[in-house]
Amino acid sequence: MNKGELIDAIIARCAEGIATKSGVTKKQADAVLTATLDTIIETVSSGDKVTLVGFGSFEPRDRAAREGRNPKTNEKMEIKATRVPGFSAGKQFRESVAP
């Protein structure tokens, strides 16, 4: 599922509302999704953790410097320490994927 398909799914879910008619447009859903993703990226980039209960947590993780090998030449090389984004699935998400 790509971003456009996710937006369509969000609109479909909003339209399923039992007692309400949301009237959410594709443009509004795109704006909300984009703002959500941008906020998660900014928060994790600044070193903080974002937790969405039932879904999971996004957090920065530090990787130590290590020695690697060039697969073409088999020559040893130093891989620098770096910070990478990490995701840990929440219990509800894990259980729905692998019941």
PDB file of N, CA and C in Angstrom:
ATOM      1  N   MET A   1       0.850  -1.174   0.000  1.00  0.00           N
ATOM      2  CA  MET A   1       0.000   0.000   0.000  1.00  0.00           C
ATOM      3  C   MET A   1       0.893   1.234   0.000  1.00  0.00           C
ATOM      4  N   ASN A   2       0.656   2.123  -0.944  1.00  0.00           N
ATOM      5  CA  ASN A   2       1.412   3.369  -0.995  1.00  0.00           C
ATOM      6  C   ASN A   2       0.613   4.489  -0.326  1.00  0.00           C
ATOM      7  N   LYS A   3       1.150   5.703  -0.322  1.00  0.00           N
ATOM      8  CA  LYS A   3       0.516   6.811   0.384  1.00  0.00           C
ATOM      9  C   LYS A   3      -0.879   7.114  -0.177  1.00  0.00           C
ATOM     10  N   GLY A   4      -1.025   7.119  -1.486  1.00  0.00           N
ATOM     11  CA  GLY A   4      -2.324   7.393  -2.101  1.00  0.00           C
ATOM     12  C   GLY A   4      -3.371   6.361  -1.727  1.00  0.00           C
ATOM     13  N   GLU A   5      -2.969   5.103  -1.705  1.00  0.00           N
ATOM     14  CA  GLU A   5      -3.895   4.034  -1.317  1.00  0.00           C
ATOM     15  C   GLU A   5      -4.262   4.146   0.164  1.00  0.00           C
ATOM     16  N   LEU A   6      -3.305   4.570   0.992  1.00  0.00           N
ATOM     17  CA  LEU A   6      -3.571   4.766   2.412  1.00  0.00           C
ATOM     18  C   LEU A   6      -4.582   5.903   2.610  1.00  0.00           C
ATOM     19  N   ILE A   7      -4.431   6.961   1.858  1.00  0.00           N
ATOM     20  CA  ILE A   7      -5.378   8.079   1.938  1.00  0.00           C
ATOM     21  C   ILE A   7      -6.775   7.618   1.540  1.00  0.00           C
ATOM     22  N   ASP A   8      -6.880   6.833   0.457  1.00  0.00           N
ATOM     23  CA  ASP A   8      -8.185   6.298   0.038  1.00  0.00           C
ATOM     24  C   ASP A   8      -8.799   5.424   1.136  1.00  0.00           C
ATOM     25  N   ALA A   9      -7.966   4.628   1.807  1.00  0.00           N
ATOM     26  CA  ALA A   9      -8.454   3.772   2.888  1.00  0.00           C
ATOM     27  C   ALA A   9      -8.938   4.609   4.072  1.00  0.00           C
ATOM     28  N   ILE A  10      -8.241   5.708   4.363  1.00  0.00           N
ATOM     29  CA  ILE A  10      -8.653   6.598   5.452  1.00  0.00           C
ATOM     30  C   ILE A  10     -10.018   7.200   5.133  1.00  0.00           C
ATOM     31  N   ILE A  11     -10.189   7.649   3.903  1.00  0.00           N
ATOM     32  CA  ILE A  11     -11.476   8.235   3.492  1.00  0.00           C
ATOM     33  C   ILE A  11     -12.585   7.193   3.587  1.00  0.00           C
ATOM     34  N   ALA A  12     -12.294   5.969   3.165  1.00  0.00           N
ATOM     35  CA  ALA A  12     -13.293   4.898   3.236  1.00  0.00           C
ATOM     36  C   ALA A  12     -13.678   4.627   4.691  1.00  0.00           C
ATOM     37  N   ARG A  13     -12.699   4.619   5.597  1.00  0.00           N
ATOM     38  CA  ARG A  13     -12.984   4.391   7.021  1.00  0.00           C
ATOM     39  C   ARG A  13     -13.830   5.511   7.591  1.00  0.00           C
ATOM     40  N   CYS A  14     -13.531   6.753   7.201  1.00  0.00           N
ATOM     41  CA  CYS A  14     -14.307   7.895   7.695  1.00  0.00           C
ATOM     42  C   CYS A  14     -15.738   7.828   7.177  1.00  0.00           C
ATOM     43  N   ALA A  15     -15.919   7.359   5.960  1.00  0.00           N
ATOM     44  CA  ALA A  15     -17.252   7.265   5.373  1.00  0.00           C
ATOM     45  C   ALA A  15     -18.086   6.170   6.035  1.00  0.00           C
ATOM     46  N   GLU A  16     -17.427   5.206   6.697  1.00  0.00           N
ATOM     47  CA  GLU A  16     -18.126   4.102   7.359  1.00  0.00           C
ATOM     48  C   GLU A  16     -18.720   4.516   8.699  1.00  0.00           C
ATOM     49  N   GLY A  17     -18.466   5.743   9.146  1.00  0.00           N
ATOM     50  CA  GLY A  17     -18.940   6.203  10.459  1.00  0.00           C
ATOM     51  C   GLY A  17     -20.408   5.867  10.662  1.00  0.00           C
ATOM     52  N   ILE A  18     -20.731   5.273  11.790  1.00  0.00           N
ATOM     53  CA  ILE A  18     -22.087   4.788  12.061  1.00  0.00           C
ATOM     54  C   ILE A  18     -23.089   5.930  12.141  1.00  0.00           C
ATOM     55  N   ALA A  19     -22.809   6.937  12.972  1.00  0.00           N
ATOM     56  CA  ALA A  19     -23.803   7.984  13.187  1.00  0.00           C
ATOM     57  C   ALA A  19     -23.386   9.322  12.590  1.00  0.00           C
ATOM     58  N   THR A  20     -22.199   9.399  12.002  1.00  0.00           N
ATOM     59  CA  THR A  20     -21.738  10.683  11.497  1.00  0.00           C
ATOM     60  C   THR A  20     -21.363  10.594  10.032  1.00  0.00           C
ATOM     61  N   LYS A  21     -21.467  11.711   9.377  1.00  0.00           N
ATOM     62  CA  LYS A  21     -20.979  11.818   8.001  1.00  0.00           C
ATOM     63  C   LYS A  21     -19.801  12.775   8.066  1.00  0.00           C
ATOM     64  N   SER A  22     -18.616  12.248   7.874  1.00  0.00           N
ATOM     65  CA  SER A  22     -17.418  13.053   8.106  1.00  0.00           C
ATOM     66  C   SER A  22     -17.187  14.090   7.024  1.00  0.00           C
ATOM     67  N   GLY A  23     -17.459  13.758   5.788  1.00  0.00           N
ATOM     68  CA  GLY A  23     -17.211  14.699   4.709  1.00  0.00           C
ATOM     69  C   GLY A  23     -15.736  14.983   4.506  1.00  0.00           C
ATOM     70  N   VAL A  24     -14.870  14.051   4.871  1.00  0.00           N
ATOM     71  CA  VAL A  24     -13.434  14.228   4.705  1.00  0.00           C
ATOM     72  C   VAL A  24     -13.089  14.076   3.231  1.00  0.00           C
ATOM     73  N   THR A  25     -12.416  15.076   2.694  1.00  0.00           N
ATOM     74  CA  THR A  25     -12.006  15.011   1.297  1.00  0.00           C
ATOM     75  C   THR A  25     -10.638  14.352   1.193  1.00  0.00           C
ATOM     76  N   LYS A  26     -10.289  13.963  -0.017  1.00  0.00           N
ATOM     77  CA  LYS A  26      -8.987  13.348  -0.248  1.00  0.00           C
ATOM     78  C   LYS A  26      -7.873  14.347   0.088  1.00  0.00           C
ATOM     79  N   LYS A  27      -8.092  15.602  -0.239  1.00  0.00           N
ATOM     80  CA  LYS A  27      -7.094  16.638   0.043  1.00  0.00           C
ATOM     81  C   LYS A  27      -6.892  16.808   1.549  1.00  0.00           C
ATOM     82  N   GLN A  28      -7.981  16.781   2.323  1.00  0.00           N
ATOM     83  CA  GLN A  28      -7.887  16.914   3.780  1.00  0.00           C
ATOM     84  C   GLN A  28      -7.182  15.703   4.392  1.00  0.00           C
ATOM     85  N   ALA A  29      -7.537  14.507   3.913  1.00  0.00           N
ATOM     86  CA  ALA A  29      -6.896  13.291   4.426  1.00  0.00           C
ATOM     87  C   ALA A  29      -5.406  13.302   4.113  1.00  0.00           C
ATOM     88  N   ASP A  30      -5.040  13.766   2.909  1.00  0.00           N
ATOM     89  CA  ASP A  30      -3.633  13.865   2.527  1.00  0.00           C
ATOM     90  C   ASP A  30      -2.905  14.843   3.437  1.00  0.00           C
ATOM     91  N   ALA A  31      -3.532  15.990   3.734  1.00  0.00           N
ATOM     92  CA  ALA A  31      -2.904  16.993   4.598  1.00  0.00           C
ATOM     93  C   ALA A  31      -2.680  16.453   6.006  1.00  0.00           C
ATOM     94  N   VAL A  32      -3.661  15.735   6.542  1.00  0.00           N
ATOM     95  CA  VAL A  32      -3.540  15.174   7.892  1.00  0.00           C
ATOM     96  C   VAL A  32      -2.457  14.095   7.931  1.00  0.00           C
ATOM     97  N   LEU A  33      -2.452  13.205   6.936  1.00  0.00           N
ATOM     98  CA  LEU A  33      -1.446  12.142   6.901  1.00  0.00           C
ATOM     99  C   LEU A  33      -0.047  12.721   6.749  1.00  0.00           C
ATOM    100  N   THR A  34       0.111  13.694   5.865  1.00  0.00           N
ATOM    101  CA  THR A  34       1.415  14.329   5.656  1.00  0.00           C
ATOM    102  C   THR A  34       1.891  15.020   6.928  1.00  0.00           C
ATOM    103  N   ALA A  35       0.997  15.744   7.596  1.00  0.00           N
ATOM    104  CA  ALA A  35       1.364  16.422   8.842  1.00  0.00           C
ATOM    105  C   ALA A  35       1.764  15.416   9.918  1.00  0.00           C
ATOM    106  N   THR A  36       1.051  14.294   9.987  1.00  0.00           N
ATOM    107  CA  THR A  36       1.364  13.260  10.973  1.00  0.00           C
ATOM    108  C   THR A  36       2.747  12.676  10.720  1.00  0.00           C
ATOM    109  N   LEU A  37       3.010  12.315   9.477  1.00  0.00           N
ATOM    110  CA  LEU A  37       4.314  11.730   9.139  1.00  0.00           C
ATOM    111  C   LEU A  37       5.442  12.735   9.350  1.00  0.00           C
ATOM    112  N   ASP A  38       5.233  13.994   8.948  1.00  0.00           N
ATOM    113  CA  ASP A  38       6.255  15.023   9.152  1.00  0.00           C
ATOM    114  C   ASP A  38       6.555  15.220  10.640  1.00  0.00           C
ATOM    115  N   THR A  39       5.519  15.199  11.465  1.00  0.00           N
ATOM    116  CA  THR A  39       5.695  15.371  12.906  1.00  0.00           C
ATOM    117  C   THR A  39       6.472  14.209  13.501  1.00  0.00           C
ATOM    118  N   ILE A  40       6.163  12.983  13.072  1.00  0.00           N
ATOM    119  CA  ILE A  40       6.906  11.804  13.553  1.00  0.00           C
ATOM    120  C   ILE A  40       8.372  11.916  13.151  1.00  0.00           C
ATOM    121  N   ILE A  41       8.629  12.289  11.899  1.00  0.00           N
ATOM    122  CA  ILE A  41      10.008  12.413  11.412  1.00  0.00           C
ATOM    123  C   ILE A  41      10.768  13.479  12.194  1.00  0.00           C
ATOM    124  N   GLU A  42      10.163  14.649  12.391  1.00  0.00           N
ATOM    125  CA  GLU A  42      10.815  15.726  13.135  1.00  0.00           C
ATOM    126  C   GLU A  42      11.100  15.327  14.580  1.00  0.00           C
ATOM    127  N   THR A  43      10.148  14.663  15.216  1.00  0.00           N
ATOM    128  CA  THR A  43      10.303  14.274  16.611  1.00  0.00           C
ATOM    129  C   THR A  43      11.424  13.251  16.779  1.00  0.00           C
ATOM    130  N   VAL A  44      11.450  12.233  15.932  1.00  0.00           N
ATOM    131  CA  VAL A  44      12.490  11.205  16.019  1.00  0.00           C
ATOM    132  C   VAL A  44      13.843  11.796  15.639  1.00  0.00           C
ATOM    133  N   SER A  45      13.874  12.705  14.663  1.00  0.00           N
ATOM    134  CA  SER A  45      15.129  13.354  14.275  1.00  0.00           C
ATOM    135  C   SER A  45      15.725  14.167  15.408  1.00  0.00           C
ATOM    136  N   SER A  46      14.869  14.724  16.252  1.00  0.00           N
ATOM    137  CA  SER A  46      15.366  15.528  17.375  1.00  0.00           C
ATOM    138  C   SER A  46      15.785  14.664  18.565  1.00  0.00           C
ATOM    139  N   GLY A  47      15.606  13.349  18.457  1.00  0.00           N
ATOM    140  CA  GLY A  47      16.066  12.446  19.509  1.00  0.00           C
ATOM    141  C   GLY A  47      14.983  11.954  20.439  1.00  0.00           C
ATOM    142  N   ASP A  48      13.733  12.334  20.192  1.00  0.00           N
ATOM    143  CA  ASP A  48      12.639  11.905  21.050  1.00  0.00           C
ATOM    144  C   ASP A  48      11.938  10.674  20.477  1.00  0.00           C
ATOM    145  N   LYS A  49      11.093  10.066  21.295  1.00  0.00           N
ATOM    146  CA  LYS A  49      10.361   8.856  20.928  1.00  0.00           C
ATOM    147  C   LYS A  49       8.891   9.199  20.705  1.00  0.00           C
ATOM    148  N   VAL A  50       8.267   8.579  19.706  1.00  0.00           N
ATOM    149  CA  VAL A  50       6.841   8.751  19.442  1.00  0.00           C
ATOM    150  C   VAL A  50       6.173   7.404  19.678  1.00  0.00           C
ATOM    151  N   THR A  51       5.195   7.363  20.584  1.00  0.00           N
ATOM    152  CA  THR A  51       4.490   6.122  20.896  1.00  0.00           C
ATOM    153  C   THR A  51       3.029   6.257  20.523  1.00  0.00           C
ATOM    154  N   LEU A  52       2.551   5.360  19.690  1.00  0.00           N
ATOM    155  CA  LEU A  52       1.148   5.284  19.315  1.00  0.00           C
ATOM    156  C   LEU A  52       0.624   3.985  19.919  1.00  0.00           C
ATOM    157  N   VAL A  53      -0.107   4.093  21.019  1.00  0.00           N
ATOM    158  CA  VAL A  53      -0.554   2.931  21.781  1.00  0.00           C
ATOM    159  C   VAL A  53      -1.320   1.969  20.869  1.00  0.00           C
ATOM    160  N   GLY A  54      -0.942   0.707  20.910  1.00  0.00           N
ATOM    161  CA  GLY A  54      -1.574  -0.324  20.098  1.00  0.00           C
ATOM    162  C   GLY A  54      -0.924  -0.484  18.734  1.00  0.00           C
ATOM    163  N   PHE A  55      -0.260   0.573  18.247  1.00  0.00           N
ATOM    164  CA  PHE A  55       0.388   0.507  16.934  1.00  0.00           C
ATOM    165  C   PHE A  55       1.873   0.248  17.076  1.00  0.00           C
ATOM    166  N   GLY A  56       2.571   1.134  17.791  1.00  0.00           N
ATOM    167  CA  GLY A  56       4.002   0.937  17.970  1.00  0.00           C
ATOM    168  C   GLY A  56       4.714   2.211  18.352  1.00  0.00           C
ATOM    169  N   SER A  57       6.049   2.120  18.394  1.00  0.00           N
ATOM    170  CA  SER A  57       6.884   3.245  18.791  1.00  0.00           C
ATOM    171  C   SER A  57       7.967   3.494  17.757  1.00  0.00           C
ATOM    172  N   PHE A  58       8.186   4.768  17.472  1.00  0.00           N
ATOM    173  CA  PHE A  58       9.279   5.195  16.599  1.00  0.00           C
ATOM    174  C   PHE A  58      10.312   5.858  17.492  1.00  0.00           C
ATOM    175  N   GLU A  59      11.585   5.510  17.308  1.00  0.00           N
ATOM    176  CA  GLU A  59      12.629   6.103  18.144  1.00  0.00           C
ATOM    177  C   GLU A  59      13.955   6.086  17.404  1.00  0.00           C
ATOM    178  N   PRO A  60      14.852   7.018  17.772  1.00  0.00           N
ATOM    179  CA  PRO A  60      16.187   6.990  17.178  1.00  0.00           C
ATOM    180  C   PRO A  60      17.031   5.913  17.869  1.00  0.00           C
ATOM    181  N   ARG A  61      17.827   5.229  17.088  1.00  0.00           N
ATOM    182  CA  ARG A  61      18.728   4.203  17.639  1.00  0.00           C
ATOM    183  C   ARG A  61      20.143   4.489  17.168  1.00  0.00           C
ATOM    184  N   ASP A  62      21.095   4.328  18.066  1.00  0.00           N
ATOM    185  CA  ASP A  62      22.498   4.568  17.734  1.00  0.00           C
ATOM    186  C   ASP A  62      23.162   3.255  17.347  1.00  0.00           C
ATOM    187  N   ARG A  63      23.858   3.287  16.234  1.00  0.00           N
ATOM    188  CA  ARG A  63      24.660   2.133  15.808  1.00  0.00           C
ATOM    189  C   ARG A  63      26.127   2.461  16.050  1.00  0.00           C
ATOM    190  N   ALA A  64      26.825   1.544  16.695  1.00  0.00           N
ATOM    191  CA  ALA A  64      28.237   1.744  16.992  1.00  0.00           C
ATOM    192  C   ALA A  64      29.062   1.586  15.716  1.00  0.00           C
ATOM    193  N   ALA A  65      30.251   2.170  15.734  1.00  0.00           N
ATOM    194  CA  ALA A  65      31.182   1.976  14.624  1.00  0.00           C
ATOM    195  C   ALA A  65      31.577   0.503  14.600  1.00  0.00           C
ATOM    196  N   ARG A  66      31.801  -0.006  13.416  1.00  0.00           N
ATOM    197  CA  ARG A  66      32.160  -1.424  13.303  1.00  0.00           C
ATOM    198  C   ARG A  66      33.008  -1.645  12.064  1.00  0.00           C
ATOM    199  N   GLU A  67      33.591  -2.807  12.017  1.00  0.00           N
ATOM    200  CA  GLU A  67      34.412  -3.162  10.868  1.00  0.00           C
ATOM    201  C   GLU A  67      33.567  -3.968   9.891  1.00  0.00           C
ATOM    202  N   GLY A  68      33.658  -3.618   8.630  1.00  0.00           N
ATOM    203  CA  GLY A  68      32.938  -4.350   7.603  1.00  0.00           C
ATOM    204  C   GLY A  68      33.890  -4.783   6.508  1.00  0.00           C
ATOM    205  N   ARG A  69      33.319  -5.396   5.490  1.00  0.00           N
ATOM    206  CA  ARG A  69      34.130  -5.838   4.349  1.00  0.00           C
ATOM    207  C   ARG A  69      33.464  -5.394   3.058  1.00  0.00           C
ATOM    208  N   ASN A  70      34.303  -4.964   2.117  1.00  0.00           N
ATOM    209  CA  ASN A  70      33.815  -4.648   0.792  1.00  0.00           C
ATOM    210  C   ASN A  70      33.515  -5.980   0.099  1.00  0.00           C
ATOM    211  N   PRO A  71      32.262  -6.229  -0.303  1.00  0.00           N
ATOM    212  CA  PRO A  71      31.929  -7.535  -0.876  1.00  0.00           C
ATOM    213  C   PRO A  71      32.628  -7.820  -2.209  1.00  0.00           C
ATOM    214  N   LYS A  72      33.022  -6.766  -2.932  1.00  0.00           N
ATOM    215  CA  LYS A  72      33.706  -6.969  -4.213  1.00  0.00           C
ATOM    216  C   LYS A  72      35.157  -7.385  -4.026  1.00  0.00           C
ATOM    217  N   THR A  73      35.852  -6.650  -3.151  1.00  0.00           N
ATOM    218  CA  THR A  73      37.292  -6.874  -2.981  1.00  0.00           C
ATOM    219  C   THR A  73      37.634  -7.650  -1.723  1.00  0.00           C
ATOM    220  N   ASN A  74      36.654  -7.858  -0.848  1.00  0.00           N
ATOM    221  CA  ASN A  74      36.854  -8.524   0.435  1.00  0.00           C
ATOM    222  C   ASN A  74      37.812  -7.743   1.336  1.00  0.00           C
ATOM    223  N   GLU A  75      38.009  -6.462   1.017  1.00  0.00           N
ATOM    224  CA  GLU A  75      38.900  -5.609   1.790  1.00  0.00           C
ATOM    225  C   GLU A  75      38.175  -5.088   3.033  1.00  0.00           C
ATOM    226  N   LYS A  76      38.903  -5.049   4.168  1.00  0.00           N
ATOM    227  CA  LYS A  76      38.314  -4.542   5.406  1.00  0.00           C
ATOM    228  C   LYS A  76      38.105  -3.032   5.300  1.00  0.00           C
ATOM    229  N   MET A  77      37.017  -2.572   5.918  1.00  0.00           N
ATOM    230  CA  MET A  77      36.743  -1.142   5.933  1.00  0.00           C
ATOM    231  C   MET A  77      36.033  -0.774   7.233  1.00  0.00           C
ATOM    232  N   GLU A  78      36.184   0.473   7.630  1.00  0.00           N
ATOM    233  CA  GLU A  78      35.569   0.949   8.865  1.00  0.00           C
ATOM    234  C   GLU A  78      34.218   1.581   8.527  1.00  0.00           C
ATOM    235  N   ILE A  79      33.163   1.130   9.214  1.00  0.00           N
ATOM    236  CA  ILE A  79      31.829   1.710   9.057  1.00  0.00           C
ATOM    237  C   ILE A  79      31.614   2.630  10.251  1.00  0.00           C
ATOM    238  N   LYS A  80      31.323   3.906   9.971  1.00  0.00           N
ATOM    239  CA  LYS A  80      31.194   4.911  11.027  1.00  0.00           C
ATOM    240  C   LYS A  80      29.940   4.674  11.881  1.00  0.00           C
ATOM    241  N   ALA A  81      30.010   5.189  13.108  1.00  0.00           N
ATOM    242  CA  ALA A  81      28.838   5.161  13.989  1.00  0.00           C
ATOM    243  C   ALA A  81      27.782   6.079  13.386  1.00  0.00           C
ATOM    244  N   THR A  82      26.515   5.718  13.568  1.00  0.00           N
ATOM    245  CA  THR A  82      25.439   6.518  13.003  1.00  0.00           C
ATOM    246  C   THR A  82      24.177   6.380  13.836  1.00  0.00           C
ATOM    247  N   ARG A  83      23.232   7.250  13.591  1.00  0.00           N
ATOM    248  CA  ARG A  83      21.925   7.183  14.244  1.00  0.00           C
ATOM    249  C   ARG A  83      20.914   6.827  13.165  1.00  0.00           C
ATOM    250  N   VAL A  84      20.062   5.846  13.454  1.00  0.00           N
ATOM    251  CA  VAL A  84      19.054   5.395  12.494  1.00  0.00           C
ATOM    252  C   VAL A  84      17.677   5.398  13.156  1.00  0.00           C
ATOM    253  N   PRO A  85      16.611   5.526  12.352  1.00  0.00           N
ATOM    254  CA  PRO A  85      15.276   5.430  12.932  1.00  0.00           C
ATOM    255  C   PRO A  85      14.932   3.971  13.212  1.00  0.00           C
ATOM    256  N   GLY A  86      14.212   3.746  14.293  1.00  0.00           N
ATOM    257  CA  GLY A  86      13.789   2.392  14.636  1.00  0.00           C
ATOM    258  C   GLY A  86      12.301   2.354  14.915  1.00  0.00           C
ATOM    259  N   PHE A  87      11.698   1.203  14.685  1.00  0.00           N
ATOM    260  CA  PHE A  87      10.274   1.024  14.953  1.00  0.00           C
ATOM    261  C   PHE A  87      10.087  -0.274  15.709  1.00  0.00           C
ATOM    262  N   SER A  88       9.282  -0.218  16.764  1.00  0.00           N
ATOM    263  CA  SER A  88       8.910  -1.407  17.520  1.00  0.00           C
ATOM    264  C   SER A  88       7.391  -1.509  17.472  1.00  0.00           C
ATOM    265  N   ALA A  89       6.885  -2.608  16.954  1.00  0.00           N
ATOM    266  CA  ALA A  89       5.443  -2.790  16.849  1.00  0.00           C
ATOM    267  C   ALA A  89       4.833  -2.976  18.229  1.00  0.00           C
ATOM    268  N   GLY A  90       3.641  -2.418  18.421  1.00  0.00           N
ATOM    269  CA  GLY A  90       2.914  -2.568  19.675  1.00  0.00           C
ATOM    270  C   GLY A  90       2.276  -3.942  19.766  1.00  0.00           C
ATOM    271  N   LYS A  91       1.841  -4.308  20.939  1.00  0.00           N
ATOM    272  CA  LYS A  91       1.269  -5.632  21.194  1.00  0.00           C
ATOM    273  C   LYS A  91       0.068  -5.910  20.292  1.00  0.00           C
ATOM    274  N   GLN A  92      -0.856  -4.961  20.189  1.00  0.00           N
ATOM    275  CA  GLN A  92      -2.050  -5.152  19.373  1.00  0.00           C
ATOM    276  C   GLN A  92      -1.688  -5.351  17.898  1.00  0.00           C
ATOM    277  N   PHE A  93      -0.724  -4.596  17.401  1.00  0.00           N
ATOM    278  CA  PHE A  93      -0.276  -4.712  16.018  1.00  0.00           C
ATOM    279  C   PHE A  93       0.373  -6.076  15.783  1.00  0.00           C
ATOM    280  N   ARG A  94       1.272  -6.466  16.687  1.00  0.00           N
ATOM    281  CA  ARG A  94       1.951  -7.769  16.570  1.00  0.00           C
ATOM    282  C   ARG A  94       0.946  -8.917  16.560  1.00  0.00           C
ATOM    283  N   GLU A  95      -0.021  -8.838  17.475  1.00  0.00           N
ATOM    284  CA  GLU A  95      -0.998  -9.931  17.583  1.00  0.00           C
ATOM    285  C   GLU A  95      -1.924  -9.999  16.370  1.00  0.00           C
ATOM    286  N   SER A  96      -2.201  -8.877  15.736  1.00  0.00           N
ATOM    287  CA  SER A  96      -3.075  -8.913  14.560  1.00  0.00           C
ATOM    288  C   SER A  96      -2.326  -9.422  13.325  1.00  0.00           C
ATOM    289  N   VAL A  97      -1.015  -9.256  13.305  1.00  0.00           N
ATOM    290  CA  VAL A  97      -0.220  -9.751  12.171  1.00  0.00           C
ATOM    291  C   VAL A  97       0.042 -11.253  12.332  1.00  0.00           C
ATOM    292  N   ALA A  98       0.393 -11.664  13.527  1.00  0.00           N
ATOM    293  CA  ALA A  98       0.697 -13.074  13.792  1.00  0.00           C
ATOM    294  C   ALA A  98      -0.153 -13.566  14.942  1.00  0.00           C
ATOM    295  N   PRO A  99      -1.427 -13.909  14.686  1.00  0.00           N
ATOM    296  CA  PRO A  99      -2.321 -14.323  15.781  1.00  0.00           C
ATOM    297  C   PRO A  99      -1.918 -15.627  16.444  1.00  0.00           C
TER     298      PRO A  99
END
